[in-house]
N, C-alpha and C. Protein backbone atom coordinates (compact mmCIF):
# COMPACT_ATOMS: atom_id res chain seq x y z
N MET A 1 0.60 -0.95 -0.01
CA MET A 1 0.08 -0.07 -0.27
C MET A 1 0.86 1.47 -0.03
N GLN A 2 0.32 1.90 -0.72
CA GLN A 2 1.08 3.13 -0.87
C GLN A 2 0.73 4.43 0.37
N HIS A 3 1.40 5.25 0.86
CA HIS A 3 1.09 6.32 1.83
C HIS A 3 1.35 7.48 1.50
N ARG A 4 0.70 8.60 1.81
CA ARG A 4 0.93 10.01 1.20
C ARG A 4 0.67 10.82 2.31
N ILE A 5 1.22 12.01 2.55
CA ILE A 5 1.59 12.49 3.77
C ILE A 5 1.42 14.01 3.65
N ARG A 6 0.48 14.43 3.72
CA ARG A 6 0.02 16.06 3.56
C ARG A 6 -0.39 16.63 4.87
N GLN A 7 -0.80 18.25 4.70
CA GLN A 7 -1.41 19.15 5.74
C GLN A 7 -2.35 19.12 5.28
N ALA A 8 -3.51 18.86 6.62
CA ALA A 8 -4.67 18.53 6.51
C ALA A 8 -5.18 19.82 6.53
N GLY A 9 -6.43 20.12 6.07
CA GLY A 9 -7.09 21.55 5.92
C GLY A 9 -8.95 21.24 6.36
N LEU A 10 -9.22 22.51 6.40
CA LEU A 10 -10.68 21.95 7.03
C LEU A 10 -11.92 21.03 5.95
N PRO A 11 -11.33 20.98 5.08
CA PRO A 11 -12.14 19.92 4.12
C PRO A 11 -12.23 18.84 4.85
N ASP A 12 -10.69 18.21 5.38
CA ASP A 12 -10.31 17.11 6.40
C ASP A 12 -10.45 17.10 7.49
N GLY A 13 -11.75 17.97 8.30
CA GLY A 13 -11.93 18.18 9.16
C GLY A 13 -12.63 16.87 10.12
N ASP A 14 -13.66 16.40 8.99
CA ASP A 14 -14.47 14.80 9.97
C ASP A 14 -13.62 14.03 9.75
N GLU A 15 -12.88 13.76 8.86
CA GLU A 15 -11.83 12.30 8.54
C GLU A 15 -10.78 12.48 9.88
N VAL A 16 -10.14 13.56 9.88
CA VAL A 16 -9.50 13.61 11.34
C VAL A 16 -10.29 13.55 12.53
N GLY A 17 -11.21 14.28 12.53
CA GLY A 17 -11.97 14.10 13.82
C GLY A 17 -12.48 13.11 13.71
N ARG A 18 -12.51 11.72 13.18
CA ARG A 18 -12.91 10.47 13.36
C ARG A 18 -11.64 9.50 13.80
N LEU A 19 -10.94 9.98 13.08
CA LEU A 19 -9.32 9.50 14.12
C LEU A 19 -9.10 10.14 15.11
N PHE A 20 -9.66 11.15 15.25
CA PHE A 20 -9.24 12.05 16.50
C PHE A 20 -9.58 10.90 17.93
N ASN A 21 -11.50 10.93 17.35
CA ASN A 21 -12.00 10.26 18.31
C ASN A 21 -11.80 8.42 18.29
N GLU A 22 -11.00 7.93 17.56
CA GLU A 22 -10.36 6.94 17.73
C GLU A 22 -9.20 6.80 18.65
N TYR A 23 -8.31 7.95 18.73
CA TYR A 23 -7.14 8.23 19.31
C TYR A 23 -7.64 8.09 21.14
N ARG A 24 -8.84 9.09 21.11
CA ARG A 24 -9.10 9.55 22.42
C ARG A 24 -9.95 8.37 23.00
N MET A 25 -10.66 7.02 22.29
CA MET A 25 -10.72 6.04 23.08
C MET A 25 -9.51 5.16 23.22
N PHE A 26 -8.31 4.98 22.41
CA PHE A 26 -7.73 4.43 22.50
C PHE A 26 -6.74 4.78 23.95
N TYR A 27 -6.93 6.13 24.25
CA TYR A 27 -6.76 6.55 26.05
C TYR A 27 -7.72 6.49 26.91
N ASN A 28 -8.82 5.36 26.20
CA ASN A 28 -9.67 5.20 27.74
C ASN A 28 -10.76 6.34 27.66
N GLN A 29 -10.78 7.05 26.94
CA GLN A 29 -11.95 8.28 27.17
C GLN A 29 -13.03 8.14 26.06
N ASN A 30 -14.42 8.37 26.43
CA ASN A 30 -15.75 7.54 25.81
C ASN A 30 -15.95 8.42 24.39
N ALA A 31 -16.31 7.57 23.61
CA ALA A 31 -16.41 7.93 22.38
C ALA A 31 -17.56 8.93 22.32
N ASP A 32 -16.77 9.91 21.01
CA ASP A 32 -17.80 11.38 21.36
C ASP A 32 -17.26 11.85 19.84
N ILE A 33 -17.76 11.15 18.52
CA ILE A 33 -17.41 11.72 17.55
C ILE A 33 -17.92 13.10 16.93
N GLN A 34 -18.98 13.41 17.44
CA GLN A 34 -19.50 14.82 17.40
C GLN A 34 -18.16 16.00 18.03
N ALA A 35 -18.30 15.78 19.32
CA ALA A 35 -17.12 16.53 19.97
C ALA A 35 -15.79 16.44 19.54
N ALA A 36 -15.37 15.60 19.10
CA ALA A 36 -14.18 15.31 18.54
C ALA A 36 -13.97 15.90 17.03
N ARG A 37 -14.81 15.84 16.23
CA ARG A 37 -14.96 16.43 15.08
C ARG A 37 -14.63 18.09 15.09
N GLN A 38 -15.58 18.45 16.14
CA GLN A 38 -15.87 19.73 16.49
C GLN A 38 -14.59 20.66 17.05
N TYR A 39 -13.85 19.66 18.00
CA TYR A 39 -12.29 20.05 18.56
C TYR A 39 -11.72 20.27 17.76
N ILE A 40 -11.36 19.37 16.44
CA ILE A 40 -10.27 19.69 15.66
C ILE A 40 -10.81 20.70 14.54
N LYS A 41 -11.97 20.58 14.09
CA LYS A 41 -12.41 22.01 13.51
C LYS A 41 -12.01 23.03 13.95
N GLU A 42 -12.01 23.60 15.22
CA GLU A 42 -12.16 24.49 15.75
C GLU A 42 -10.02 24.77 16.03
N ARG A 43 -9.30 23.95 16.12
CA ARG A 43 -8.11 24.02 16.11
C ARG A 43 -7.72 24.65 14.83
N MET A 44 -8.44 23.89 13.73
CA MET A 44 -8.27 24.17 12.41
C MET A 44 -8.32 25.55 11.86
N GLU A 45 -9.81 25.95 12.58
CA GLU A 45 -10.27 27.02 11.69
C GLU A 45 -9.63 28.39 12.71
N ARG A 46 -9.27 28.18 13.87
CA ARG A 46 -8.57 29.25 14.88
C ARG A 46 -6.79 29.21 14.70
N HIS A 47 -6.42 28.31 13.90
CA HIS A 47 -4.85 27.91 13.47
C HIS A 47 -4.24 27.95 14.77
N GLU A 48 -4.78 26.83 15.58
CA GLU A 48 -3.98 26.80 16.68
C GLU A 48 -2.95 25.07 16.93
N SER A 49 -3.42 24.44 15.69
CA SER A 49 -2.31 23.47 15.48
C SER A 49 -2.11 23.33 13.91
N VAL A 50 -0.94 22.51 14.27
CA VAL A 50 -0.69 21.92 12.75
C VAL A 50 -0.98 20.27 12.72
N ILE A 51 -2.10 19.89 11.89
CA ILE A 51 -2.24 18.41 11.52
C ILE A 51 -1.65 17.74 10.53
N LEU A 52 -0.88 17.01 10.37
CA LEU A 52 -0.80 15.96 8.68
C LEU A 52 -1.23 14.87 8.83
N VAL A 53 -1.61 14.91 8.03
CA VAL A 53 -2.45 13.13 7.90
C VAL A 53 -2.10 12.14 6.59
N ALA A 54 -2.06 10.83 7.10
CA ALA A 54 -1.28 9.88 6.35
C ALA A 54 -2.50 9.21 5.34
N GLU A 55 -2.47 9.28 4.20
CA GLU A 55 -3.43 8.94 3.42
C GLU A 55 -2.92 7.67 2.59
N THR A 56 -3.79 6.75 2.59
CA THR A 56 -3.64 5.11 2.40
C THR A 56 -4.07 4.96 1.14
N ASP A 57 -3.51 4.37 -0.16
CA ASP A 57 -4.59 3.81 -1.07
C ASP A 57 -5.33 2.94 -1.07
N VAL A 58 -6.67 2.61 -1.09
CA VAL A 58 -7.28 1.84 -0.57
C VAL A 58 -7.85 1.31 -1.75
N GLU A 59 -8.23 0.05 -2.35
CA GLU A 59 -9.25 -0.16 -2.91
C GLU A 59 -10.49 -0.60 -2.57
N ARG A 60 -11.61 -0.09 -3.55
CA ARG A 60 -13.10 -0.03 -2.86
C ARG A 60 -13.48 -0.82 -3.95
N ASP A 61 -14.45 -1.77 -3.59
CA ASP A 61 -14.85 -2.45 -4.33
C ASP A 61 -16.17 -2.33 -4.37
N HIS A 62 -17.12 -1.69 -5.48
CA HIS A 62 -18.60 -1.06 -6.07
C HIS A 62 -19.17 -2.12 -6.77
N GLY A 63 -18.93 -3.60 -5.77
CA GLY A 63 -19.95 -4.58 -6.08
C GLY A 63 -19.59 -5.04 -7.87
N SER A 64 -18.32 -4.99 -8.02
CA SER A 64 -17.90 -5.42 -9.15
C SER A 64 -16.39 -5.63 -8.98
N ASP A 65 -16.05 -6.53 -10.09
CA ASP A 65 -14.94 -6.99 -10.46
C ASP A 65 -13.81 -6.70 -11.61
N GLU A 66 -12.83 -7.02 -12.01
CA GLU A 66 -11.93 -6.96 -12.79
C GLU A 66 -12.57 -8.05 -13.98
N SER A 67 -13.21 -9.15 -13.55
CA SER A 67 -13.60 -10.53 -13.92
C SER A 67 -14.93 -10.29 -14.67
N ASN A 68 -15.61 -9.05 -14.76
CA ASN A 68 -16.76 -9.04 -15.43
C ASN A 68 -16.79 -7.36 -15.93
N GLY A 69 -15.37 -7.29 -16.35
CA GLY A 69 -15.17 -5.55 -16.98
C GLY A 69 -15.42 -4.45 -16.14
N LYS A 70 -15.56 -4.78 -14.93
CA LYS A 70 -15.67 -3.31 -14.41
C LYS A 70 -14.66 -3.14 -13.38
N PRO A 71 -13.63 -2.16 -13.45
CA PRO A 71 -12.34 -2.41 -12.81
C PRO A 71 -12.65 -1.94 -11.26
N ILE A 72 -12.01 -2.13 -10.08
CA ILE A 72 -12.44 -1.61 -8.84
C ILE A 72 -11.66 -0.60 -8.69
N SER A 73 -12.26 0.64 -8.19
CA SER A 73 -11.26 1.70 -8.13
C SER A 73 -10.79 1.63 -6.63
N LYS A 74 -9.88 2.89 -6.70
CA LYS A 74 -9.00 3.26 -5.75
C LYS A 74 -9.06 4.55 -5.49
N GLY A 75 -8.76 4.47 -4.07
CA GLY A 75 -9.32 5.51 -3.35
C GLY A 75 -8.42 5.77 -1.86
N GLN A 76 -8.66 6.95 -1.18
CA GLN A 76 -8.09 7.12 -0.29
C GLN A 76 -8.62 7.01 1.18
N LYS A 77 -7.63 6.48 1.86
CA LYS A 77 -8.08 6.77 3.20
C LYS A 77 -7.21 7.18 4.20
N CYS A 78 -7.87 8.23 5.19
CA CYS A 78 -7.23 8.86 6.20
C CYS A 78 -6.68 7.36 7.60
N SER A 79 -5.24 7.34 7.33
CA SER A 79 -4.70 6.15 7.81
C SER A 79 -4.22 6.36 9.41
N GLY A 80 -3.59 7.51 9.33
CA GLY A 80 -3.23 8.46 10.70
C GLY A 80 -3.24 9.95 11.04
N PHE A 81 -2.95 10.50 11.78
CA PHE A 81 -2.57 11.91 11.72
C PHE A 81 -1.53 12.22 12.87
N VAL A 82 -0.85 13.22 13.01
CA VAL A 82 0.04 14.05 14.00
C VAL A 82 -0.75 15.50 14.37
N GLN A 83 -0.56 15.88 15.46
CA GLN A 83 -1.27 17.12 15.69
C GLN A 83 0.16 17.91 16.61
N LEU A 84 0.26 19.13 15.90
CA LEU A 84 1.08 19.63 16.21
C LEU A 84 0.73 20.80 17.15
N TYR A 85 1.34 21.45 18.07
CA TYR A 85 1.09 22.67 18.80
C TYR A 85 1.95 23.43 18.78
N PRO A 86 1.83 24.75 18.22
CA PRO A 86 2.90 26.17 18.44
C PRO A 86 3.05 26.38 19.41
N SER A 87 4.06 26.35 19.81
CA SER A 87 4.37 27.41 21.04
C SER A 87 5.95 28.05 20.99
N TYR A 88 6.32 28.46 21.91
CA TYR A 88 7.81 29.47 21.75
C TYR A 88 8.86 29.13 22.81
N SER A 89 9.94 29.20 22.87
CA SER A 89 11.10 29.13 23.99
C SER A 89 11.35 30.78 24.24
N SER A 90 11.10 31.00 25.52
CA SER A 90 11.64 32.36 25.71
C SER A 90 12.81 33.00 25.66
N VAL A 91 13.85 31.86 26.06
CA VAL A 91 15.43 31.89 26.26
C VAL A 91 15.55 31.92 25.09
N SER A 92 15.64 31.05 24.13
CA SER A 92 15.48 31.08 22.47
C SER A 92 15.42 32.24 21.65
N MET A 93 13.95 32.57 22.01
CA MET A 93 13.11 33.12 21.22
C MET A 93 13.02 32.86 19.86
N ARG A 94 12.37 31.40 19.96
CA ARG A 94 12.31 31.09 18.88
C ARG A 94 11.20 30.23 18.75
N PRO A 95 10.53 29.67 17.92
CA PRO A 95 9.40 28.83 18.03
C PRO A 95 9.61 27.65 18.26
N ILE A 96 8.97 26.79 18.98
CA ILE A 96 8.82 25.02 19.32
C ILE A 96 7.38 24.30 19.30
N TRP A 97 7.24 23.22 18.80
CA TRP A 97 6.18 22.86 18.33
C TRP A 97 5.90 21.27 19.40
N VAL A 98 5.17 21.51 19.84
CA VAL A 98 4.44 20.32 21.20
C VAL A 98 3.59 19.22 20.15
N LEU A 99 4.43 18.03 20.02
CA LEU A 99 3.67 17.24 19.38
C LEU A 99 2.91 16.39 20.50
N ASN A 100 1.51 16.58 20.36
CA ASN A 100 0.41 16.59 21.50
C ASN A 100 -0.32 14.75 20.80
N ASP A 101 -0.26 14.87 19.72
CA ASP A 101 -1.12 13.20 19.41
C ASP A 101 -0.45 12.95 17.98
N LEU A 102 -0.56 11.32 18.20
CA LEU A 102 0.09 10.88 16.94
C LEU A 102 -0.47 9.61 16.90
N PHE A 103 -1.09 9.10 16.05
CA PHE A 103 -2.17 7.99 16.04
C PHE A 103 -2.56 7.26 14.86
N VAL A 104 -2.18 6.38 14.33
CA VAL A 104 -2.36 5.03 13.06
C VAL A 104 -3.33 4.79 13.68
N HIS A 105 -4.47 4.20 12.55
CA HIS A 105 -5.91 3.12 12.81
C HIS A 105 -5.04 2.26 13.24
N SER A 106 -5.73 1.32 13.49
CA SER A 106 -5.11 -0.48 13.89
C SER A 106 -5.15 -0.82 12.53
N ASP A 107 -6.02 -1.06 11.64
CA ASP A 107 -5.83 -1.37 10.09
C ASP A 107 -4.44 -1.25 9.47
N TYR A 108 -3.59 -0.22 10.15
CA TYR A 108 -2.71 0.55 9.46
C TYR A 108 -1.53 0.09 9.71
N ARG A 109 -1.39 0.10 10.97
CA ARG A 109 -0.53 0.05 12.14
C ARG A 109 0.77 -1.26 11.53
N GLN A 110 2.09 -1.04 11.76
CA GLN A 110 2.91 -1.80 11.19
C GLN A 110 3.45 -1.87 10.12
N GLN A 111 3.47 -0.13 8.90
CA GLN A 111 3.58 0.04 7.81
C GLN A 111 4.33 1.23 7.50
N GLY A 112 4.61 1.45 8.83
CA GLY A 112 5.80 2.54 8.49
C GLY A 112 4.94 3.99 8.61
N ILE A 113 3.89 3.93 8.54
CA ILE A 113 3.53 5.51 8.70
C ILE A 113 3.54 6.17 10.16
N ALA A 114 3.69 5.72 11.14
CA ALA A 114 3.62 6.69 12.44
C ALA A 114 5.20 7.35 11.97
N ARG A 115 5.90 6.56 11.52
CA ARG A 115 7.67 6.97 11.44
C ARG A 115 7.55 8.20 10.15
N GLU A 116 6.50 8.09 9.25
CA GLU A 116 6.55 9.07 8.24
C GLU A 116 5.48 10.47 8.46
N LEU A 117 4.89 9.93 9.54
CA LEU A 117 4.24 11.04 10.34
C LEU A 117 5.21 12.26 10.76
N LEU A 118 5.92 11.33 11.66
CA LEU A 118 7.24 11.79 12.10
C LEU A 118 8.04 12.73 11.32
N GLN A 119 8.29 12.08 10.60
CA GLN A 119 9.50 12.31 9.17
C GLN A 119 8.82 13.72 9.15
N ALA A 120 7.54 13.69 8.06
CA ALA A 120 6.96 15.20 7.93
C ALA A 120 6.94 15.99 8.86
N ALA A 121 6.72 15.83 9.89
CA ALA A 121 6.69 16.74 11.14
C ALA A 121 8.15 17.26 10.98
N LYS A 122 8.94 16.59 11.25
CA LYS A 122 10.24 17.32 11.21
C LYS A 122 10.69 18.10 10.04
N ARG A 123 10.45 17.43 8.89
CA ARG A 123 10.83 18.30 7.69
C ARG A 123 9.96 19.49 7.99
N LEU A 124 8.27 19.57 8.10
CA LEU A 124 7.30 20.83 8.03
C LEU A 124 8.04 21.99 9.22
N ALA A 125 8.59 21.42 10.06
CA ALA A 125 9.32 22.35 11.28
C ALA A 125 10.44 22.83 10.82
N SER A 126 11.16 21.88 10.51
CA SER A 126 12.29 23.10 9.90
C SER A 126 12.21 23.88 8.61
N GLU A 127 11.21 23.95 8.08
CA GLU A 127 10.85 24.43 6.76
C GLU A 127 10.39 26.06 7.70
N HIS A 128 9.78 25.82 8.86
CA HIS A 128 9.26 27.07 9.58
C HIS A 128 9.74 27.75 10.34
N GLY A 129 11.01 27.50 10.57
CA GLY A 129 12.08 27.59 11.56
C GLY A 129 11.96 27.41 13.11
N VAL A 130 11.59 25.95 13.01
CA VAL A 130 10.99 25.79 14.65
C VAL A 130 12.57 24.90 14.92
N LEU A 131 12.76 25.43 16.52
CA LEU A 131 13.73 25.08 16.97
C LEU A 131 13.77 23.62 17.61
N ARG A 132 12.50 22.82 18.07
CA ARG A 132 12.62 21.86 18.53
C ARG A 132 11.07 21.19 18.41
N ILE A 133 10.77 20.22 18.57
CA ILE A 133 9.69 19.50 18.48
C ILE A 133 9.67 18.48 19.76
N SER A 134 8.93 18.89 20.92
CA SER A 134 8.71 17.81 22.31
C SER A 134 7.41 17.12 22.25
N LEU A 135 7.93 16.26 22.93
CA LEU A 135 6.38 15.43 23.15
C LEU A 135 6.66 14.75 24.55
N SER A 136 5.57 14.02 24.86
CA SER A 136 5.83 13.13 26.14
C SER A 136 4.68 11.67 26.13
N THR A 137 5.13 10.92 26.07
CA THR A 137 4.62 9.49 26.19
C THR A 137 4.70 9.18 27.22
N GLU A 138 3.70 7.81 27.90
CA GLU A 138 3.37 6.91 28.90
C GLU A 138 4.87 6.05 29.13
N LEU A 139 5.20 5.99 30.69
CA LEU A 139 6.28 5.61 30.84
C LEU A 139 5.96 4.20 30.42
N SER A 140 5.17 3.16 30.21
CA SER A 140 4.63 2.10 29.90
C SER A 140 4.80 1.80 28.33
N ASN A 141 4.58 2.90 27.62
CA ASN A 141 4.64 2.89 26.26
C ASN A 141 6.02 2.71 25.34
N LYS A 142 6.37 1.58 25.57
CA LYS A 142 8.06 1.23 25.14
C LYS A 142 7.85 1.28 23.53
N GLN A 143 6.93 0.82 22.75
CA GLN A 143 7.08 1.10 21.10
C GLN A 143 6.78 2.08 20.52
N ALA A 144 6.54 3.13 21.18
CA ALA A 144 6.39 4.40 20.79
C ALA A 144 7.91 5.04 21.12
N GLN A 145 7.93 4.60 22.45
CA GLN A 145 9.29 5.15 22.84
C GLN A 145 10.62 4.71 21.69
N ALA A 146 10.47 3.71 21.56
CA ALA A 146 11.63 3.03 20.51
C ALA A 146 11.26 3.46 19.33
N LEU A 147 10.24 3.97 18.74
CA LEU A 147 10.14 4.77 17.44
C LEU A 147 10.68 6.21 17.47
N TYR A 148 10.37 6.60 18.43
CA TYR A 148 10.89 8.41 18.93
C TYR A 148 12.51 8.37 19.03
N GLU A 149 12.72 6.97 19.73
CA GLU A 149 14.23 7.16 20.27
C GLU A 149 15.00 6.95 18.55
N SER A 150 14.46 6.29 17.81
CA SER A 150 14.87 5.31 16.28
C SER A 150 14.67 6.63 15.67
N GLU A 151 14.03 7.70 16.12
CA GLU A 151 13.86 9.14 14.88
C GLU A 151 14.60 10.18 15.39
N GLY A 152 15.26 9.68 16.53
CA GLY A 152 16.79 11.02 16.78
C GLY A 152 15.89 11.85 18.44
N TYR A 153 14.74 11.34 18.36
CA TYR A 153 14.25 12.15 19.90
C TYR A 153 15.15 11.60 21.10
N ALA A 154 15.24 12.61 21.87
CA ALA A 154 15.70 12.00 23.17
C ALA A 154 15.34 12.40 24.36
N GLN A 155 15.50 11.52 25.22
CA GLN A 155 15.02 12.11 26.44
C GLN A 155 15.62 12.88 27.26
N ASP A 156 14.66 14.00 27.86
CA ASP A 156 15.58 15.28 28.27
C ASP A 156 16.04 14.74 30.17
N THR A 157 17.03 14.86 29.78
CA THR A 157 18.12 14.77 31.32
C THR A 157 18.02 16.16 31.99
N ARG A 158 17.75 16.80 31.52
CA ARG A 158 18.52 18.31 32.12
C ARG A 158 17.27 19.00 33.01
N PHE A 159 15.91 18.74 32.75
CA PHE A 159 14.82 19.34 33.23
C PHE A 159 13.90 18.48 33.62
N MET A 160 13.28 18.75 34.94
CA MET A 160 12.09 18.17 35.38
C MET A 160 10.58 18.58 34.97
N TYR A 161 9.53 18.03 34.77
CA TYR A 161 8.77 18.74 34.28
C TYR A 161 7.77 18.42 35.50
N TYR A 162 6.62 19.26 35.64
CA TYR A 162 5.72 19.76 36.42
C TYR A 162 4.43 20.14 36.18
N GLU A 163 3.40 19.17 36.52
CA GLU A 163 1.58 19.96 35.91
C GLU A 163 1.41 20.22 36.83
N LEU A 164 0.24 21.10 37.18
CA LEU A 164 -0.84 21.60 37.87
C LEU A 164 -2.18 21.54 37.34
N ASN A 165 -3.07 20.43 37.46
CA ASN A 165 -4.03 20.29 36.93
C ASN A 165 -5.29 21.85 37.91
N VAL A 166 -6.06 22.22 36.83
CA VAL A 166 -6.85 23.19 37.60
C VAL A 166 -8.36 22.89 36.92
């Protein structure tokens, strides 16, 4: 299967929202497709995040096949996404991006899509003069950690991060 990575736009909101809903369910959140689509739409409309999508070529069988002379049409399906939130480094006075969401639909895992999304995010960040991309992942998510490290991400050893729930 072929994959293509591109920046998502408003017309992609429903499809990205569908994947975002599945992403949230992966993290034990209740399904809410309408809220997920609205959240993604708002991020896009307000230019509050950069979203890259992976499109995978799929064959769509419209009840016909090559044996009866009617070809099976090819289409594309959003198979994954990465969402990056712009921020800034005060000390360096340069932009940084927070990679907050990376998700590949279960039907398309182990095909290199997550790696392609990470590489595309890095290229786009470089084109935009971004100093660094930061991310966090669960301590137990060894598979994601291995992927990030293989793409050059390094665990921070200088700073301790804190959170305050409000």
